[in-house]
């Protein structure tokens, strides 16, 4: 774990806690991923919109954060033609 910093871990934990509190305040539900995902499998459920948004956020947020934080260095990634010194 070369990139671990206590500050980023604390911020991430705080964001998870904030989202759990907001979900409880706004919907009265506990942020248990298995229960939220299980509700998607219930075909008679009428509250699928927020469940889909929650699961999509779990998948997309780290992908977007990784893309924003470590955008590839295109110059370094491109192969360079080298002239041989013959």
PDB file of N, CA and C in Angstrom:
ATOM      1  N   UNK A   1       0.839  -1.179   0.000  1.00  0.00           N
ATOM      2  CA  UNK A   1       0.000   0.000   0.000  1.00  0.00           C
ATOM      3  C   UNK A   1       0.878   1.234   0.000  1.00  0.00           C
ATOM      4  N   UNK A   2       1.311   1.609  -1.135  1.00  0.00           N
ATOM      5  CA  UNK A   2       2.210   2.751  -1.240  1.00  0.00           C
ATOM      6  C   UNK A   2       1.472   4.078  -1.158  1.00  0.00           C
ATOM      7  N   UNK A   3       0.198   4.107  -1.525  1.00  0.00           N
ATOM      8  CA  UNK A   3      -0.527   5.367  -1.606  1.00  0.00           C
ATOM      9  C   UNK A   3      -1.399   5.652  -0.401  1.00  0.00           C
ATOM     10  N   UNK A   4      -1.288   4.878   0.680  1.00  0.00           N
ATOM     11  CA  UNK A   4      -2.135   5.083   1.851  1.00  0.00           C
ATOM     12  C   UNK A   4      -1.720   6.343   2.583  1.00  0.00           C
ATOM     13  N   UNK A   5      -2.699   7.187   2.855  1.00  0.00           N
ATOM     14  CA  UNK A   5      -2.475   8.336   3.716  1.00  0.00           C
ATOM     15  C   UNK A   5      -3.623   8.398   4.708  1.00  0.00           C
ATOM     16  N   UNK A   6      -3.342   8.682   5.967  1.00  0.00           N
ATOM     17  CA  UNK A   6      -4.405   8.751   6.962  1.00  0.00           C
ATOM     18  C   UNK A   6      -5.454   9.816   6.632  1.00  0.00           C
ATOM     19  N   UNK A   7      -5.045  10.895   6.022  1.00  0.00           N
ATOM     20  CA  UNK A   7      -5.990  11.956   5.690  1.00  0.00           C
ATOM     21  C   UNK A   7      -7.011  11.488   4.664  1.00  0.00           C
ATOM     22  N   UNK A   8      -6.564  10.834   3.604  1.00  0.00           N
ATOM     23  CA  UNK A   8      -7.515  10.375   2.589  1.00  0.00           C
ATOM     24  C   UNK A   8      -8.432   9.292   3.158  1.00  0.00           C
ATOM     25  N   UNK A   9      -7.911   8.457   4.053  1.00  0.00           N
ATOM     26  CA  UNK A   9      -8.743   7.436   4.687  1.00  0.00           C
ATOM     27  C   UNK A   9      -9.796   8.075   5.578  1.00  0.00           C
ATOM     28  N   UNK A  10      -9.416   9.107   6.313  1.00  0.00           N
ATOM     29  CA  UNK A  10     -10.370   9.794   7.188  1.00  0.00           C
ATOM     30  C   UNK A  10     -11.449  10.511   6.375  1.00  0.00           C
ATOM     31  N   UNK A  11     -11.058  11.114   5.282  1.00  0.00           N
ATOM     32  CA  UNK A  11     -12.041  11.791   4.422  1.00  0.00           C
ATOM     33  C   UNK A  11     -12.994  10.773   3.812  1.00  0.00           C
ATOM     34  N   UNK A  12     -12.466   9.666   3.340  1.00  0.00           N
ATOM     35  CA  UNK A  12     -13.313   8.618   2.768  1.00  0.00           C
ATOM     36  C   UNK A  12     -14.280   8.045   3.791  1.00  0.00           C
ATOM     37  N   UNK A  13     -13.800   7.784   4.986  1.00  0.00           N
ATOM     38  CA  UNK A  13     -14.666   7.286   6.046  1.00  0.00           C
ATOM     39  C   UNK A  13     -15.742   8.286   6.420  1.00  0.00           C
ATOM     40  N   UNK A  14     -15.372   9.548   6.447  1.00  0.00           N
ATOM     41  CA  UNK A  14     -16.353  10.600   6.734  1.00  0.00           C
ATOM     42  C   UNK A  14     -17.431  10.684   5.674  1.00  0.00           C
ATOM     43  N   UNK A  15     -17.048  10.539   4.412  1.00  0.00           N
ATOM     44  CA  UNK A  15     -18.036  10.569   3.330  1.00  0.00           C
ATOM     45  C   UNK A  15     -18.978   9.375   3.384  1.00  0.00           C
ATOM     46  N   UNK A  16     -18.448   8.205   3.737  1.00  0.00           N
ATOM     47  CA  UNK A  16     -19.300   7.026   3.883  1.00  0.00           C
ATOM     48  C   UNK A  16     -20.283   7.240   5.029  1.00  0.00           C
ATOM     49  N   UNK A  17     -19.791   7.751   6.152  1.00  0.00           N
ATOM     50  CA  UNK A  17     -20.667   8.023   7.283  1.00  0.00           C
ATOM     51  C   UNK A  17     -21.728   9.062   6.962  1.00  0.00           C
ATOM     52  N   UNK A  18     -21.335  10.113   6.256  1.00  0.00           N
ATOM     53  CA  UNK A  18     -22.285  11.158   5.868  1.00  0.00           C
ATOM     54  C   UNK A  18     -23.371  10.602   4.954  1.00  0.00           C
ATOM     55  N   UNK A  19     -22.978   9.757   4.010  1.00  0.00           N
ATOM     56  CA  UNK A  19     -23.985   9.192   3.106  1.00  0.00           C
ATOM     57  C   UNK A  19     -24.934   8.259   3.845  1.00  0.00           C
ATOM     58  N   UNK A  20     -24.422   7.508   4.820  1.00  0.00           N
ATOM     59  CA  UNK A  20     -25.288   6.624   5.608  1.00  0.00           C
ATOM     60  C   UNK A  20     -26.276   7.432   6.441  1.00  0.00           C
ATOM     61  N   UNK A  21     -25.819   8.517   7.027  1.00  0.00           N
ATOM     62  CA  UNK A  21     -26.702   9.381   7.819  1.00  0.00           C
ATOM     63  C   UNK A  21     -27.748  10.033   6.924  1.00  0.00           C
ATOM     64  N   UNK A  22     -27.341  10.523   5.770  1.00  0.00           N
ATOM     65  CA  UNK A  22     -28.304  11.148   4.851  1.00  0.00           C
ATOM     66  C   UNK A  22     -29.353  10.148   4.368  1.00  0.00           C
ATOM     67  N   UNK A  23     -28.942   8.926   4.090  1.00  0.00           N
ATOM     68  CA  UNK A  23     -29.904   7.916   3.664  1.00  0.00           C
ATOM     69  C   UNK A  23     -30.909   7.639   4.777  1.00  0.00           C
ATOM     70  N   UNK A  24     -30.439   7.585   6.014  1.00  0.00           N
ATOM     71  CA  UNK A  24     -31.354   7.342   7.133  1.00  0.00           C
ATOM     72  C   UNK A  24     -32.296   8.534   7.329  1.00  0.00           C
ATOM     73  N   UNK A  25     -31.775   9.747   7.246  1.00  0.00           N
ATOM     74  CA  UNK A  25     -32.612  10.930   7.441  1.00  0.00           C
ATOM     75  C   UNK A  25     -33.635  11.116   6.321  1.00  0.00           C
ATOM     76  N   UNK A  26     -33.214  10.873   5.098  1.00  0.00           N
ATOM     77  CA  UNK A  26     -34.085  11.169   3.948  1.00  0.00           C
ATOM     78  C   UNK A  26     -35.066  10.045   3.628  1.00  0.00           C
ATOM     79  N   UNK A  27     -34.685   8.802   3.898  1.00  0.00           N
ATOM     80  CA  UNK A  27     -35.565   7.692   3.533  1.00  0.00           C
ATOM     81  C   UNK A  27     -35.982   6.831   4.719  1.00  0.00           C
ATOM     82  N   UNK A  28     -35.322   7.002   5.864  1.00  0.00           N
ATOM     83  CA  UNK A  28     -35.618   6.168   7.013  1.00  0.00           C
ATOM     84  C   UNK A  28     -35.052   4.763   6.890  1.00  0.00           C
ATOM     85  N   UNK A  29     -34.132   4.553   5.975  1.00  0.00           N
ATOM     86  CA  UNK A  29     -33.550   3.229   5.728  1.00  0.00           C
ATOM     87  C   UNK A  29     -32.100   3.195   6.192  1.00  0.00           C
ATOM     88  N   UNK A  30     -31.657   2.010   6.567  1.00  0.00           N
ATOM     89  CA  UNK A  30     -30.268   1.807   6.950  1.00  0.00           C
ATOM     90  C   UNK A  30     -29.476   1.435   5.698  1.00  0.00           C
ATOM     91  N   UNK A  31     -28.285   1.990   5.560  1.00  0.00           N
ATOM     92  CA  UNK A  31     -27.459   1.771   4.372  1.00  0.00           C
ATOM     93  C   UNK A  31     -26.737   0.435   4.440  1.00  0.00           C
ATOM     94  N   UNK A  32     -27.466  -0.641   4.344  1.00  0.00           N
ATOM     95  CA  UNK A  32     -26.871  -1.970   4.265  1.00  0.00           C
ATOM     96  C   UNK A  32     -26.901  -2.409   2.814  1.00  0.00           C
ATOM     97  N   UNK A  33     -25.750  -2.602   2.241  1.00  0.00           N
ATOM     98  CA  UNK A  33     -25.675  -2.879   0.809  1.00  0.00           C
ATOM     99  C   UNK A  33     -26.426  -4.149   0.440  1.00  0.00           C
ATOM    100  N   UNK A  34     -26.348  -5.173   1.265  1.00  0.00           N
ATOM    101  CA  UNK A  34     -27.043  -6.414   0.927  1.00  0.00           C
ATOM    102  C   UNK A  34     -28.558  -6.213   0.920  1.00  0.00           C
ATOM    103  N   UNK A  35     -29.075  -5.426   1.852  1.00  0.00           N
ATOM    104  CA  UNK A  35     -30.513  -5.155   1.869  1.00  0.00           C
ATOM    105  C   UNK A  35     -30.950  -4.282   0.711  1.00  0.00           C
ATOM    106  N   UNK A  36     -30.125  -3.308   0.366  1.00  0.00           N
ATOM    107  CA  UNK A  36     -30.447  -2.430  -0.759  1.00  0.00           C
ATOM    108  C   UNK A  36     -30.431  -3.218  -2.059  1.00  0.00           C
ATOM    109  N   UNK A  37     -29.407  -4.035  -2.247  1.00  0.00           N
ATOM    110  CA  UNK A  37     -29.330  -4.844  -3.460  1.00  0.00           C
ATOM    111  C   UNK A  37     -30.442  -5.891  -3.485  1.00  0.00           C
ATOM    112  N   UNK A  38     -30.727  -6.482  -2.339  1.00  0.00           N
ATOM    113  CA  UNK A  38     -31.811  -7.467  -2.258  1.00  0.00           C
ATOM    114  C   UNK A  38     -33.152  -6.857  -2.642  1.00  0.00           C
ATOM    115  N   UNK A  39     -33.356  -5.582  -2.300  1.00  0.00           N
ATOM    116  CA  UNK A  39     -34.590  -4.894  -2.682  1.00  0.00           C
ATOM    117  C   UNK A  39     -34.721  -4.735  -4.184  1.00  0.00           C
ATOM    118  N   UNK A  40     -33.603  -4.709  -4.882  1.00  0.00           N
ATOM    119  CA  UNK A  40     -33.658  -4.644  -6.344  1.00  0.00           C
ATOM    120  C   UNK A  40     -34.169  -5.945  -6.940  1.00  0.00           C
ATOM    121  N   UNK A  41     -33.930  -7.033  -6.245  1.00  0.00           N
ATOM    122  CA  UNK A  41     -34.356  -8.342  -6.741  1.00  0.00           C
ATOM    123  C   UNK A  41     -35.831  -8.610  -6.466  1.00  0.00           C
ATOM    124  N   UNK A  42     -36.449  -7.805  -5.618  1.00  0.00           N
ATOM    125  CA  UNK A  42     -37.870  -7.939  -5.321  1.00  0.00           C
ATOM    126  C   UNK A  42     -38.659  -7.293  -6.468  1.00  0.00           C
ATOM    127  N   UNK A  43     -39.304  -8.095  -7.272  1.00  0.00           N
ATOM    128  CA  UNK A  43     -39.970  -7.581  -8.473  1.00  0.00           C
ATOM    129  C   UNK A  43     -41.201  -6.741  -8.154  1.00  0.00           C
ATOM    130  N   UNK A  44     -41.766  -6.884  -6.959  1.00  0.00           N
ATOM    131  CA  UNK A  44     -42.963  -6.147  -6.593  1.00  0.00           C
ATOM    132  C   UNK A  44     -42.651  -4.827  -5.892  1.00  0.00           C
ATOM    133  N   UNK A  45     -41.382  -4.563  -5.642  1.00  0.00           N
ATOM    134  CA  UNK A  45     -40.998  -3.343  -4.932  1.00  0.00           C
ATOM    135  C   UNK A  45     -41.237  -2.098  -5.772  1.00  0.00           C
ATOM    136  N   UNK A  46     -41.617  -1.024  -5.094  1.00  0.00           N
ATOM    137  CA  UNK A  46     -41.872   0.222  -5.814  1.00  0.00           C
ATOM    138  C   UNK A  46     -40.828   1.291  -5.513  1.00  0.00           C
ATOM    139  N   UNK A  47     -39.782   0.934  -4.811  1.00  0.00           N
ATOM    140  CA  UNK A  47     -38.745   1.915  -4.461  1.00  0.00           C
ATOM    141  C   UNK A  47     -37.394   1.562  -5.076  1.00  0.00           C
ATOM    142  N   UNK A  48     -37.403   1.222  -6.330  1.00  0.00           N
ATOM    143  CA  UNK A  48     -36.180   0.786  -7.002  1.00  0.00           C
ATOM    144  C   UNK A  48     -35.281   1.959  -7.430  1.00  0.00           C
ATOM    145  N   UNK A  49     -35.852   3.148  -7.616  1.00  0.00           N
ATOM    146  CA  UNK A  49     -35.062   4.272  -8.135  1.00  0.00           C
ATOM    147  C   UNK A  49     -33.877   4.615  -7.233  1.00  0.00           C
ATOM    148  N   UNK A  50     -34.139   4.799  -5.941  1.00  0.00           N
ATOM    149  CA  UNK A  50     -33.041   5.174  -5.058  1.00  0.00           C
ATOM    150  C   UNK A  50     -32.075   4.017  -4.867  1.00  0.00           C
ATOM    151  N   UNK A  51     -32.579   2.779  -4.955  1.00  0.00           N
ATOM    152  CA  UNK A  51     -31.694   1.620  -4.825  1.00  0.00           C
ATOM    153  C   UNK A  51     -30.729   1.539  -6.012  1.00  0.00           C
ATOM    154  N   UNK A  52     -31.252   1.770  -7.202  1.00  0.00           N
ATOM    155  CA  UNK A  52     -30.395   1.765  -8.393  1.00  0.00           C
ATOM    156  C   UNK A  52     -29.363   2.880  -8.305  1.00  0.00           C
ATOM    157  N   UNK A  53     -29.795   4.066  -7.862  1.00  0.00           N
ATOM    158  CA  UNK A  53     -28.868   5.197  -7.733  1.00  0.00           C
ATOM    159  C   UNK A  53     -27.775   4.886  -6.706  1.00  0.00           C
ATOM    160  N   UNK A  54     -28.136   4.249  -5.599  1.00  0.00           N
ATOM    161  CA  UNK A  54     -27.171   3.908  -4.556  1.00  0.00           C
ATOM    162  C   UNK A  54     -26.133   2.922  -5.079  1.00  0.00           C
ATOM    163  N   UNK A  55     -26.589   1.849  -5.716  1.00  0.00           N
ATOM    164  CA  UNK A  55     -25.669   0.838  -6.247  1.00  0.00           C
ATOM    165  C   UNK A  55     -24.802   1.431  -7.365  1.00  0.00           C
ATOM    166  N   UNK A  56     -25.407   2.242  -8.226  1.00  0.00           N
ATOM    167  CA  UNK A  56     -24.631   2.891  -9.293  1.00  0.00           C
ATOM    168  C   UNK A  56     -23.565   3.807  -8.701  1.00  0.00           C
ATOM    169  N   UNK A  57     -23.905   4.513  -7.621  1.00  0.00           N
ATOM    170  CA  UNK A  57     -22.926   5.370  -6.957  1.00  0.00           C
ATOM    171  C   UNK A  57     -21.783   4.581  -6.353  1.00  0.00           C
ATOM    172  N   UNK A  58     -22.083   3.411  -5.805  1.00  0.00           N
ATOM    173  CA  UNK A  58     -21.028   2.556  -5.253  1.00  0.00           C
ATOM    174  C   UNK A  58     -20.043   2.113  -6.329  1.00  0.00           C
ATOM    175  N   UNK A  59     -20.550   1.911  -7.527  1.00  0.00           N
ATOM    176  CA  UNK A  59     -19.698   1.444  -8.616  1.00  0.00           C
ATOM    177  C   UNK A  59     -18.988   2.601  -9.311  1.00  0.00           C
ATOM    178  N   UNK A  60     -19.728   3.667  -9.598  1.00  0.00           N
ATOM    179  CA  UNK A  60     -19.172   4.753 -10.395  1.00  0.00           C
ATOM    180  C   UNK A  60     -18.292   5.728  -9.623  1.00  0.00           C
ATOM    181  N   UNK A  61     -18.585   5.977  -8.360  1.00  0.00           N
ATOM    182  CA  UNK A  61     -17.817   6.970  -7.601  1.00  0.00           C
ATOM    183  C   UNK A  61     -16.326   6.636  -7.526  1.00  0.00           C
ATOM    184  N   UNK A  62     -15.929   5.413  -7.173  1.00  0.00           N
ATOM    185  CA  UNK A  62     -14.490   5.152  -7.142  1.00  0.00           C
ATOM    186  C   UNK A  62     -13.846   5.162  -8.526  1.00  0.00           C
ATOM    187  N   UNK A  63     -14.613   4.761  -9.539  1.00  0.00           N
ATOM    188  CA  UNK A  63     -14.053   4.810 -10.894  1.00  0.00           C
ATOM    189  C   UNK A  63     -13.788   6.245 -11.322  1.00  0.00           C
ATOM    190  N   UNK A  64     -14.752   7.118 -11.042  1.00  0.00           N
ATOM    191  CA  UNK A  64     -14.583   8.527 -11.404  1.00  0.00           C
ATOM    192  C   UNK A  64     -13.483   9.181 -10.578  1.00  0.00           C
ATOM    193  N   UNK A  65     -13.408   8.864  -9.285  1.00  0.00           N
ATOM    194  CA  UNK A  65     -12.359   9.437  -8.437  1.00  0.00           C
ATOM    195  C   UNK A  65     -10.982   8.990  -8.913  1.00  0.00           C
ATOM    196  N   UNK A  66     -10.850   7.725  -9.245  1.00  0.00           N
ATOM    197  CA  UNK A  66      -9.574   7.238  -9.758  1.00  0.00           C
ATOM    198  C   UNK A  66      -9.192   7.883 -11.069  1.00  0.00           C
ATOM    199  N   UNK A  67     -10.175   8.117 -11.897  1.00  0.00           N
ATOM    200  CA  UNK A  67      -9.909   8.759 -13.177  1.00  0.00           C
ATOM    201  C   UNK A  67      -9.503  10.218 -12.973  1.00  0.00           C
ATOM    202  N   UNK A  68     -10.156  10.911 -12.056  1.00  0.00           N
ATOM    203  CA  UNK A  68      -9.840  12.318 -11.813  1.00  0.00           C
ATOM    204  C   UNK A  68      -8.495  12.493 -11.124  1.00  0.00           C
ATOM    205  N   UNK A  69      -8.183  11.626 -10.177  1.00  0.00           N
ATOM    206  CA  UNK A  69      -6.966  11.782  -9.394  1.00  0.00           C
ATOM    207  C   UNK A  69      -5.739  11.332 -10.166  1.00  0.00           C
ATOM    208  N   UNK A  70      -5.827  10.231 -10.863  1.00  0.00           N
ATOM    209  CA  UNK A  70      -4.647   9.721 -11.557  1.00  0.00           C
ATOM    210  C   UNK A  70      -4.908   9.611 -13.048  1.00  0.00           C
ATOM    211  N   UNK A  71      -5.143  10.742 -13.660  1.00  0.00           N
ATOM    212  CA  UNK A  71      -5.312  10.760 -15.105  1.00  0.00           C
ATOM    213  C   UNK A  71      -3.999  10.304 -15.737  1.00  0.00           C
ATOM    214  N   UNK A  72      -4.070   9.508 -16.764  1.00  0.00           N
ATOM    215  CA  UNK A  72      -2.823   8.981 -17.346  1.00  0.00           C
ATOM    216  C   UNK A  72      -1.974  10.082 -17.972  1.00  0.00           C
ATOM    217  N   UNK A  73      -0.692   9.899 -17.861  1.00  0.00           N
ATOM    218  CA  UNK A  73       0.257  10.804 -18.497  1.00  0.00           C
ATOM    219  C   UNK A  73       0.478  10.284 -19.917  1.00  0.00           C
ATOM    220  N   UNK A  74      -0.202  10.903 -20.859  1.00  0.00           N
ATOM    221  CA  UNK A  74      -0.195  10.380 -22.225  1.00  0.00           C
ATOM    222  C   UNK A  74       1.183  10.408 -22.866  1.00  0.00           C
ATOM    223  N   UNK A  75       2.007  11.375 -22.501  1.00  0.00           N
ATOM    224  CA  UNK A  75       3.340  11.434 -23.096  1.00  0.00           C
ATOM    225  C   UNK A  75       4.206  10.275 -22.591  1.00  0.00           C
ATOM    226  N   UNK A  76       4.080   9.972 -21.325  1.00  0.00           N
ATOM    227  CA  UNK A  76       4.877   8.884 -20.758  1.00  0.00           C
ATOM    228  C   UNK A  76       4.381   7.521 -21.231  1.00  0.00           C
ATOM    229  N   UNK A  77       3.076   7.424 -21.523  1.00  0.00           N
ATOM    230  CA  UNK A  77       2.497   6.138 -21.919  1.00  0.00           C
ATOM    231  C   UNK A  77       2.739   5.828 -23.397  1.00  0.00           C
ATOM    232  N   UNK A  78       2.980   6.859 -24.183  1.00  0.00           N
ATOM    233  CA  UNK A  78       3.168   6.652 -25.620  1.00  0.00           C
ATOM    234  C   UNK A  78       4.560   6.077 -25.897  1.00  0.00           C
ATOM    235  N   UNK A  79       4.626   5.070 -26.737  1.00  0.00           N
ATOM    236  CA  UNK A  79       5.947   4.520 -27.049  1.00  0.00           C
ATOM    237  C   UNK A  79       6.752   5.538 -27.872  1.00  0.00           C
ATOM    238  N   UNK A  80       8.019   5.578 -27.612  1.00  0.00           N
ATOM    239  CA  UNK A  80       8.870   6.541 -28.322  1.00  0.00           C
ATOM    240  C   UNK A  80       9.777   5.797 -29.286  1.00  0.00           C
ATOM    241  N   UNK A  81       9.907   6.354 -30.422  1.00  0.00           N
ATOM    242  CA  UNK A  81      10.824   5.782 -31.403  1.00  0.00           C
ATOM    243  C   UNK A  81      12.238   6.266 -31.061  1.00  0.00           C
ATOM    244  N   UNK A  82      13.143   5.346 -30.952  1.00  0.00           N
ATOM    245  CA  UNK A  82      14.518   5.714 -30.634  1.00  0.00           C
ATOM    246  C   UNK A  82      15.405   5.401 -31.844  1.00  0.00           C
ATOM    247  N   UNK A  83      16.279   6.280 -32.097  1.00  0.00           N
ATOM    248  CA  UNK A  83      17.227   6.044 -33.187  1.00  0.00           C
ATOM    249  C   UNK A  83      18.374   5.199 -32.676  1.00  0.00           C
ATOM    250  N   UNK A  84      18.702   4.193 -33.415  1.00  0.00           N
ATOM    251  CA  UNK A  84      19.811   3.334 -32.977  1.00  0.00           C
ATOM    252  C   UNK A  84      21.122   4.039 -33.283  1.00  0.00           C
ATOM    253  N   UNK A  85      22.057   3.864 -32.388  1.00  0.00           N
ATOM    254  CA  UNK A  85      23.367   4.519 -32.537  1.00  0.00           C
ATOM    255  C   UNK A  85      24.342   3.554 -33.205  1.00  0.00           C
ATOM    256  N   UNK A  86      24.062   3.201 -34.423  1.00  0.00           N
ATOM    257  CA  UNK A  86      24.963   2.274 -35.130  1.00  0.00           C
ATOM    258  C   UNK A  86      25.924   3.019 -35.982  1.00  0.00           C
TER     259      UNK A  86
END
